[in-house]
Structure formats: structure tokens, C-alpha cells
Amino acid sequence: MSTTPDVPEEAWSGVHRGPLRVGEWVRLVDAKGRRHNFCLEPGKRFFSNRGHVEHDEMIGREEGFTVTASTGGEYLVFRPLLSEFVVSMPRGAAVVYPKDAAQIVAMVDIFPGADVVEAGVGSGALTCSLLRAVGPRGRVRSFERREEFADVARRNVTQFFGGDHPAWSLTLGDLAEALPASGEQCDRVILDMLAPWECLDAAAGALRPGGIVCAYVATTTQLSRFTETVRVHGGFTEPQAWESLVRDWHVEGLAVRPGHKMIGHTAFLVTARRMAPGQKAPMKKRRPAPGAYGVDYTGPRPDGIPLEVPADQPPSEESAG
């Protein structure tokens, strides 16, 4: 019998130590890297094209062992990591991939005890990372417009943490209306939605000075619209935009080369910090790139940026000021 102490329940980490127990989820991986996640239940069997494995063979054993299926196939047995859980859990909406969730936790500076607002909740993948980061003394308030997404997220988050996390609340509704109505402030606002610029005023009203707004957007048009809306708002620092790409490597003796699989573009991230009431950040000194705000540009226009016209076209009354 293992004497390894379990992670304290009050930590709400979603992680256990020691022997595998009834009701826990395990992750089986075969020699080809195929993965299977399921909940351990007495008397049940796991079936695959390699035969079956008895749940009772795994219950009570320390993770990190192999089991042999009825037809000879071998599987590694571990508890799933958070990064493994979120890419295999049931989905209502697309999930925030672990590489982006890690960027958000680090670059948006999610800290223990932080008060974080999230909209929308999707399938709950980012919510799990946020709750892990803020801990039981922090707070994560999630807003979701679609009830079916909220239901999936609630099940996934509850499954990972093994119960109702004390730091989490989930509101069915529009953040643009519900957050101002609450009258509450927060340290961070994360917007994962089709039109995050529609929630910028609500985010600005709720963020404490020095707080951070972060948008998670999939397309360049969304990226441009949100970034320019932040600039025009005037209550934030110059927005920063980036994406992260992850490429694995094949390492085998002298054969060291980039892997054939790569997690490329998933989304863009944009962040900006909230200024104190009545304060504005210094304007950018450099001139915009030629054509950046030309006649084809229809988005928000920062103060002091005139409408550009082609050199062979006389200026209109609007562009001439």
C-alpha cells in the first residue's frame, strides 16, 4: 500500500497522488501513441481493437505502469494531465489549446488570488487553466451566451476538479450587459468570442487600473478590429498582438530533425493594460505604414490619423480635414 500523501483537497488542483481509485479518469496510450481516456469503475472493461482491459486490474495501483489487453496489446496507464484532458474532453465549442492557455496564464499574469472575468466559456478548457492559476482564494467569473456551451463547460470543469470549484461562477448571458450591471471590478478580462470589441467598454468599466484585457481571436480581421478599437478607446496602453507556433522534434541518435507534425496557427492573442481613470497613454510617435489607413480601411481610426488617398487622386474634403 502506497504511503504517498495525496494533494490536499483544499488546493483544488484537479490532481491526485497515490494509487488509482474508483471514479478517477485514466489515460491509456498504446505503442502507436493512440490515446483513450475513461473513468475507472469496478467490474467494467475497456475495449479496443487490441482486446479488453479490466478496470479492476488498474484500480489500486500507482500510475505509470503497463497493462496487457486480452489480445496482447500493451498500454501505458497514467492519470491525464490538464493539457491532455482538455484536448480530449467532450466539446460544445472549440477549445483553447494548451499552448494558448499557457500563454494567457503567463502573459496576462494570472496569479493566485486574482479576480478574473472570462467570456465566453466555450467547452471549459481555458477555465480549468484559469482556476488552477487563481487557486481557491481567487475568483473566475465566466459568462456564456449559449446554454448548450455552458452545460458542456460545467460538466468538463466539474469532472476535472472532482466537484464544484469554490472560485468559479458561470453566468448564462452577455458580458456586455451582465458585467456592468454587477457593478463589480476585476483584475483581468479575457474575451474569447467572435466580436470581442463589443465587450471592450464593459471590460474597461470593470478593470482596476493596471488590469489587463486579453482577446483570443482566430482571424486577421478580428485581430485588426479589436486592436484598433482598443487604440481608439483611449483608456488602455498600446495593444500587443502575437501568436505562438509549436513544432516538435524527432530525436533519435544522429537523426535529429523537425517533426512532421506541428501545431500551427490556432488563434491570435491581443493584450493591453488599463490606465487609471482620466489618464491616457502617450501616443505612438512613429508614422503608420503607407496604406495602413488608406481608402480601403473601414475600421476604427485613431485620433490624428488622416484618411490616406492614392498619390494620383486629389484629396477629398474629408481627407483634407
Protein backbone atom coordinates (compact mmCIF):
# COMPACT_ATOMS: atom_id res chain seq x y z
CA MET A 1 0.00 0.00 0.00
CA SER A 2 1.43 3.39 -1.02
CA THR A 3 2.24 5.93 1.69
CA THR A 4 2.41 8.82 -0.81
CA PRO A 5 0.29 11.66 0.60
CA ASP A 6 -2.44 12.90 -1.71
CA VAL A 7 -2.67 16.51 -2.84
CA PRO A 8 -4.74 18.38 -0.22
CA GLU A 9 -8.39 18.65 -1.22
CA GLU A 10 -8.43 22.34 -0.30
CA ALA A 11 -5.86 23.04 -3.06
CA TRP A 12 -8.48 22.29 -5.74
CA SER A 13 -5.75 21.29 -8.19
CA GLY A 14 -7.62 18.57 -10.05
CA VAL A 15 -4.65 16.29 -9.35
CA HIS A 16 -4.29 13.19 -7.16
CA ARG A 17 -1.27 11.26 -5.94
CA GLY A 18 -1.06 7.65 -4.86
CA PRO A 19 -3.00 4.61 -6.08
CA LEU A 20 -5.64 4.96 -8.76
CA ARG A 21 -9.09 4.98 -7.27
CA VAL A 22 -12.68 4.37 -8.32
CA GLY A 23 -14.18 7.39 -10.06
CA GLU A 24 -10.85 8.74 -11.32
CA TRP A 25 -10.08 9.21 -15.00
CA VAL A 26 -7.11 7.42 -16.53
CA ARG A 27 -5.35 7.75 -19.87
CA LEU A 28 -4.23 4.66 -21.79
CA VAL A 29 -1.68 5.08 -24.60
CA ASP A 30 -0.70 2.26 -26.97
CA ALA A 31 2.60 1.75 -28.81
CA LYS A 32 1.43 3.93 -31.73
CA GLY A 33 0.53 6.82 -29.47
CA ARG A 34 -3.25 6.33 -29.67
CA ARG A 35 -4.92 7.65 -26.54
CA HIS A 36 -8.02 6.59 -24.63
CA ASN A 37 -9.49 8.37 -21.58
CA PHE A 38 -12.14 6.86 -19.32
CA CYS A 39 -13.40 6.74 -15.75
CA LEU A 40 -12.46 3.78 -13.56
CA GLU A 41 -15.43 1.73 -12.36
CA PRO A 42 -15.36 -1.63 -10.54
CA GLY A 43 -16.23 -4.62 -12.72
CA LYS A 44 -16.07 -2.71 -16.00
CA ARG A 45 -13.92 -3.37 -19.06
CA PHE A 46 -12.17 -1.08 -21.53
CA PHE A 47 -12.50 -2.33 -25.11
CA SER A 48 -10.40 -1.51 -28.18
CA ASN A 49 -9.19 -3.20 -31.36
CA ARG A 50 -6.44 -4.70 -29.19
CA GLY A 51 -8.86 -6.51 -26.91
CA HIS A 52 -10.11 -5.57 -23.48
CA VAL A 53 -8.60 -4.50 -20.16
CA GLU A 54 -10.28 -4.97 -16.80
CA HIS A 55 -10.74 -1.77 -14.78
CA ASP A 56 -10.07 -3.84 -11.65
CA GLU A 57 -6.53 -4.50 -12.94
CA MET A 58 -5.80 -0.77 -12.66
CA ILE A 59 -7.72 0.28 -9.55
CA GLY A 60 -5.42 0.44 -6.52
CA ARG A 61 -2.14 0.60 -8.48
CA GLU A 62 0.28 3.53 -8.68
CA GLU A 63 0.08 5.26 -12.07
CA GLY A 64 2.93 4.78 -14.54
CA PHE A 65 2.53 1.08 -15.32
CA THR A 66 1.64 -1.02 -18.36
CA VAL A 67 -1.31 -3.35 -18.80
CA THR A 68 -1.75 -6.03 -21.43
CA ALA A 69 -5.06 -6.32 -23.24
CA SER A 70 -6.73 -9.69 -23.85
CA THR A 71 -5.20 -9.99 -27.36
CA GLY A 72 -1.69 -8.94 -26.31
CA GLY A 73 -1.65 -5.19 -26.91
CA GLU A 74 0.15 -3.15 -24.27
CA TYR A 75 -0.95 0.19 -22.84
CA LEU A 76 0.73 2.79 -20.66
CA VAL A 77 -1.51 3.89 -17.78
CA PHE A 78 -1.32 7.39 -16.28
CA ARG A 79 -3.68 9.98 -14.91
CA PRO A 80 -4.31 12.57 -17.66
CA LEU A 81 -2.52 15.90 -17.35
CA LEU A 82 -4.61 19.05 -17.68
CA SER A 83 -3.13 19.65 -21.15
CA GLU A 84 -4.16 16.12 -22.15
CA PHE A 85 -7.59 16.34 -20.58
CA VAL A 86 -8.68 19.50 -22.42
CA VAL A 87 -7.86 18.24 -25.92
CA SER A 88 -9.82 15.02 -25.41
CA MET A 89 -12.79 16.18 -23.30
CA PRO A 90 -16.31 16.49 -24.76
CA ARG A 91 -16.74 19.70 -26.73
CA GLY A 92 -19.57 22.12 -27.26
CA ALA A 93 -17.36 24.79 -28.82
CA ALA A 94 -13.74 24.71 -29.96
CA VAL A 95 -11.29 24.57 -27.06
CA VAL A 96 -8.46 26.97 -26.26
CA TYR A 97 -5.40 24.82 -26.97
CA PRO A 98 -2.86 24.26 -24.17
CA LYS A 99 -0.19 26.33 -25.96
CA ASP A 100 -2.52 29.35 -25.96
CA ALA A 101 -3.82 28.74 -22.44
CA ALA A 102 -0.21 28.68 -21.23
CA GLN A 103 0.46 31.99 -22.99
CA ILE A 104 -2.61 33.53 -21.40
CA VAL A 105 -1.73 32.36 -17.89
CA ALA A 106 1.85 33.67 -18.27
CA MET A 107 1.49 36.81 -20.39
CA VAL A 108 -1.79 38.00 -18.85
CA ASP A 109 -0.18 37.36 -15.46
CA ILE A 110 -2.89 35.21 -13.88
CA PHE A 111 -1.84 34.95 -10.23
CA PRO A 112 -3.07 33.15 -7.10
CA GLY A 113 -5.95 35.15 -5.65
CA ALA A 114 -6.66 37.02 -8.91
CA ASP A 115 -10.18 38.08 -9.84
CA VAL A 116 -10.61 37.05 -13.49
CA VAL A 117 -13.54 37.53 -15.84
CA GLU A 118 -13.88 35.23 -18.85
CA ALA A 119 -16.25 35.37 -21.82
CA GLY A 120 -17.23 33.06 -23.44
CA VAL A 121 -16.61 29.83 -21.67
CA GLY A 122 -16.55 27.55 -24.74
CA SER A 123 -16.05 23.98 -23.52
CA GLY A 124 -14.27 24.96 -20.30
CA ALA A 125 -10.66 24.32 -21.37
CA LEU A 126 -9.30 27.77 -20.55
CA THR A 127 -11.50 27.90 -17.44
CA CYS A 128 -9.63 24.92 -15.99
CA SER A 129 -6.27 26.65 -16.51
CA LEU A 130 -7.55 29.90 -15.02
CA LEU A 131 -8.95 28.14 -11.94
CA ARG A 132 -5.70 26.22 -11.48
CA ALA A 133 -3.81 29.54 -11.60
CA VAL A 134 -6.02 31.67 -9.31
CA GLY A 135 -6.47 28.90 -6.74
CA PRO A 136 -9.36 28.54 -4.28
CA ARG A 137 -8.81 32.07 -2.92
CA GLY A 138 -9.14 33.70 -6.32
CA ARG A 139 -12.21 34.08 -8.48
CA VAL A 140 -13.08 33.22 -12.07
CA ARG A 141 -16.37 34.57 -13.36
CA SER A 142 -17.33 33.03 -16.68
CA PHE A 143 -20.01 34.42 -18.99
CA GLU A 144 -21.54 32.40 -21.81
CA ARG A 145 -24.35 33.37 -24.16
CA ARG A 146 -25.24 29.85 -25.31
CA GLU A 147 -26.80 27.47 -22.82
CA GLU A 148 -25.59 24.32 -24.60
CA PHE A 149 -21.97 25.51 -24.38
CA ALA A 150 -22.41 26.44 -20.72
CA ASP A 151 -23.73 22.95 -19.93
CA VAL A 152 -20.76 21.23 -21.59
CA ALA A 153 -18.28 23.53 -19.85
CA ARG A 154 -19.89 22.96 -16.46
CA ARG A 155 -19.61 19.18 -16.86
CA ASN A 156 -15.98 19.33 -18.04
CA VAL A 157 -14.79 21.68 -15.30
CA THR A 158 -16.60 19.68 -12.61
CA GLN A 159 -15.15 16.45 -13.96
CA PHE A 160 -11.59 17.73 -13.92
CA PHE A 161 -11.70 19.21 -10.42
CA GLY A 162 -13.89 16.48 -8.97
CA GLY A 163 -16.63 18.85 -7.82
CA ASP A 164 -17.88 22.43 -7.90
CA HIS A 165 -14.78 24.62 -7.69
CA PRO A 166 -15.33 27.25 -4.97
CA ALA A 167 -13.68 30.00 -7.03
CA TRP A 168 -15.87 29.57 -10.11
CA SER A 169 -19.19 31.06 -11.14
CA LEU A 170 -20.83 30.60 -14.53
CA THR A 171 -23.40 33.11 -15.77
CA LEU A 172 -25.63 32.48 -18.75
CA GLY A 173 -25.81 35.83 -20.51
CA ASP A 174 -23.96 38.58 -22.35
CA LEU A 175 -20.91 40.01 -20.59
CA ALA A 176 -21.50 43.39 -22.25
CA GLU A 177 -24.70 43.72 -20.21
CA ALA A 178 -24.17 41.47 -17.18
CA LEU A 179 -20.74 42.71 -16.09
CA PRO A 180 -21.65 46.44 -15.89
CA ALA A 181 -24.91 45.51 -14.16
CA SER A 182 -22.97 43.68 -11.43
CA GLY A 183 -21.01 46.82 -10.54
CA GLU A 184 -18.02 44.66 -9.59
CA GLN A 185 -14.38 45.18 -10.52
CA CYS A 186 -11.75 42.65 -11.56
CA ASP A 187 -8.03 42.26 -12.28
CA ARG A 188 -8.18 40.55 -15.69
CA VAL A 189 -10.71 40.22 -18.51
CA ILE A 190 -10.30 37.53 -21.18
CA LEU A 191 -12.53 37.68 -24.24
CA ASP A 192 -12.89 34.53 -26.35
CA MET A 193 -15.70 35.38 -28.77
CA LEU A 194 -16.48 36.37 -32.34
CA ALA A 195 -16.71 40.13 -31.66
CA PRO A 196 -14.68 40.95 -28.53
CA TRP A 197 -14.69 44.67 -29.39
CA GLU A 198 -18.38 44.71 -28.44
CA CYS A 199 -17.35 43.98 -24.83
CA LEU A 200 -14.44 46.41 -24.58
CA ASP A 201 -16.42 49.18 -22.84
CA ALA A 202 -17.74 46.70 -20.28
CA ALA A 203 -14.22 45.36 -19.72
CA ALA A 204 -12.83 48.88 -19.31
CA GLY A 205 -15.51 49.73 -16.76
CA ALA A 206 -14.77 46.65 -14.66
CA LEU A 207 -10.97 46.53 -14.81
CA ARG A 208 -8.98 48.03 -11.99
CA PRO A 209 -6.17 50.41 -13.01
CA GLY A 210 -3.24 48.30 -14.17
CA GLY A 211 -5.54 45.40 -15.04
CA ILE A 212 -5.23 43.55 -18.33
CA VAL A 213 -7.68 42.84 -21.12
CA CYS A 214 -6.89 39.92 -23.44
CA ALA A 215 -8.68 38.90 -26.62
CA TYR A 216 -8.39 35.45 -28.18
CA VAL A 217 -9.34 35.70 -31.86
CA ALA A 218 -8.96 33.35 -34.80
CA THR A 219 -8.81 35.62 -37.86
CA THR A 220 -6.79 38.63 -39.03
CA THR A 221 -9.95 40.68 -39.50
CA GLN A 222 -10.92 40.10 -35.87
CA LEU A 223 -7.36 40.87 -34.81
CA SER A 224 -7.38 44.20 -36.67
CA ARG A 225 -10.83 45.26 -35.48
CA PHE A 226 -10.13 44.55 -31.82
CA THR A 227 -6.66 46.12 -31.83
CA GLU A 228 -7.89 49.33 -33.45
CA THR A 229 -10.88 49.50 -31.11
CA VAL A 230 -8.52 49.34 -28.14
CA ARG A 231 -6.43 52.17 -29.63
CA VAL A 232 -9.45 54.37 -30.26
CA HIS A 233 -10.86 53.74 -26.78
CA GLY A 234 -8.01 55.68 -25.20
CA GLY A 235 -8.18 54.06 -21.77
CA PHE A 236 -5.59 51.37 -22.47
CA THR A 237 -1.92 51.11 -23.29
CA GLU A 238 -0.80 50.33 -26.84
CA PRO A 239 -2.18 46.84 -27.61
CA GLN A 240 0.26 43.99 -28.18
CA ALA A 241 -0.63 41.18 -30.62
CA TRP A 242 1.07 37.84 -31.26
CA GLU A 243 0.57 34.15 -31.96
CA SER A 244 2.53 31.09 -30.85
CA LEU A 245 3.52 28.13 -33.01
CA VAL A 246 4.70 24.80 -31.57
CA ARG A 247 6.85 22.35 -33.51
CA ASP A 248 8.05 19.05 -32.07
CA TRP A 249 11.36 17.44 -32.99
CA HIS A 250 12.39 13.91 -33.91
CA VAL A 251 15.45 12.94 -31.86
CA GLU A 252 16.97 9.51 -32.48
CA GLY A 253 20.73 9.11 -32.38
CA LEU A 254 22.16 11.22 -35.21
CA ALA A 255 18.73 11.65 -36.78
CA VAL A 256 17.71 14.97 -35.25
CA ARG A 257 15.23 16.94 -37.32
CA PRO A 258 11.95 18.85 -37.08
CA GLY A 259 8.94 16.63 -36.62
CA HIS A 260 6.41 16.21 -39.41
CA LYS A 261 3.56 17.36 -37.18
CA MET A 262 3.15 20.92 -35.98
CA ILE A 263 0.56 22.84 -34.01
CA GLY A 264 0.48 25.93 -36.22
CA HIS A 265 -1.98 28.78 -36.13
CA THR A 266 -4.79 28.34 -33.63
CA ALA A 267 -5.51 31.95 -32.64
CA PHE A 268 -4.08 35.42 -32.10
CA LEU A 269 -3.75 36.96 -28.66
CA VAL A 270 -4.04 40.70 -28.02
CA THR A 271 -3.38 42.33 -24.65
CA ALA A 272 -3.47 45.87 -23.23
CA ARG A 273 -3.34 47.36 -19.73
CA ARG A 274 -5.99 49.59 -18.22
CA MET A 275 -5.00 53.16 -17.49
CA ALA A 276 -6.14 54.99 -14.36
CA PRO A 277 -9.39 57.00 -14.70
CA GLY A 278 -8.85 60.16 -16.75
CA GLN A 279 -5.36 59.12 -17.86
CA LYS A 280 -4.23 58.34 -21.41
CA ALA A 281 -1.14 56.54 -22.61
CA PRO A 282 1.34 58.52 -24.76
CA MET A 283 0.53 58.30 -28.46
CA LYS A 284 2.76 56.31 -30.78
CA LYS A 285 5.45 58.53 -32.30
CA ARG A 286 6.12 56.55 -35.45
CA ARG A 287 4.06 57.11 -38.55
CA PRO A 288 1.72 54.33 -39.73
CA ALA A 289 2.91 52.20 -42.63
CA PRO A 290 1.89 53.55 -46.06
CA GLY A 291 -1.63 52.42 -46.86
CA ALA A 292 -2.34 51.21 -43.33
CA TYR A 293 -5.31 53.57 -43.02
CA GLY A 294 -5.99 54.07 -46.73
CA VAL A 295 -9.28 54.33 -48.58
CA ASP A 296 -9.93 50.59 -48.24
CA TYR A 297 -9.64 50.69 -44.44
CA THR A 298 -13.08 50.88 -42.79
CA GLY A 299 -12.31 50.10 -39.15
CA PRO A 300 -11.84 52.37 -36.12
CA ARG A 301 -9.42 55.22 -36.80
CA PRO A 302 -7.11 56.56 -34.06
CA ASP A 303 -7.10 60.29 -33.40
CA GLY A 304 -4.77 62.28 -35.62
CA ILE A 305 -4.68 59.70 -38.42
CA PRO A 306 -5.95 61.32 -41.64
CA LEU A 307 -7.60 59.40 -44.44
CA GLU A 308 -4.90 58.43 -46.95
CA VAL A 309 -5.57 58.72 -50.67
CA PRO A 310 -3.61 57.43 -53.67
CA ALA A 311 -0.96 59.85 -54.97
CA ASP A 312 -2.75 60.27 -58.33
CA GLN A 313 -6.11 61.12 -56.70
CA PRO A 314 -6.88 64.63 -55.42
CA PRO A 315 -7.74 64.73 -51.69
CA SER A 316 -11.42 64.82 -50.75
CA GLU A 317 -12.88 67.29 -48.29
CA GLU A 318 -12.88 64.54 -45.62
CA SER A 319 -9.20 63.62 -46.08
CA ALA A 320 -8.19 67.27 -46.28
CA GLY A 321 -9.78 67.85 -42.87
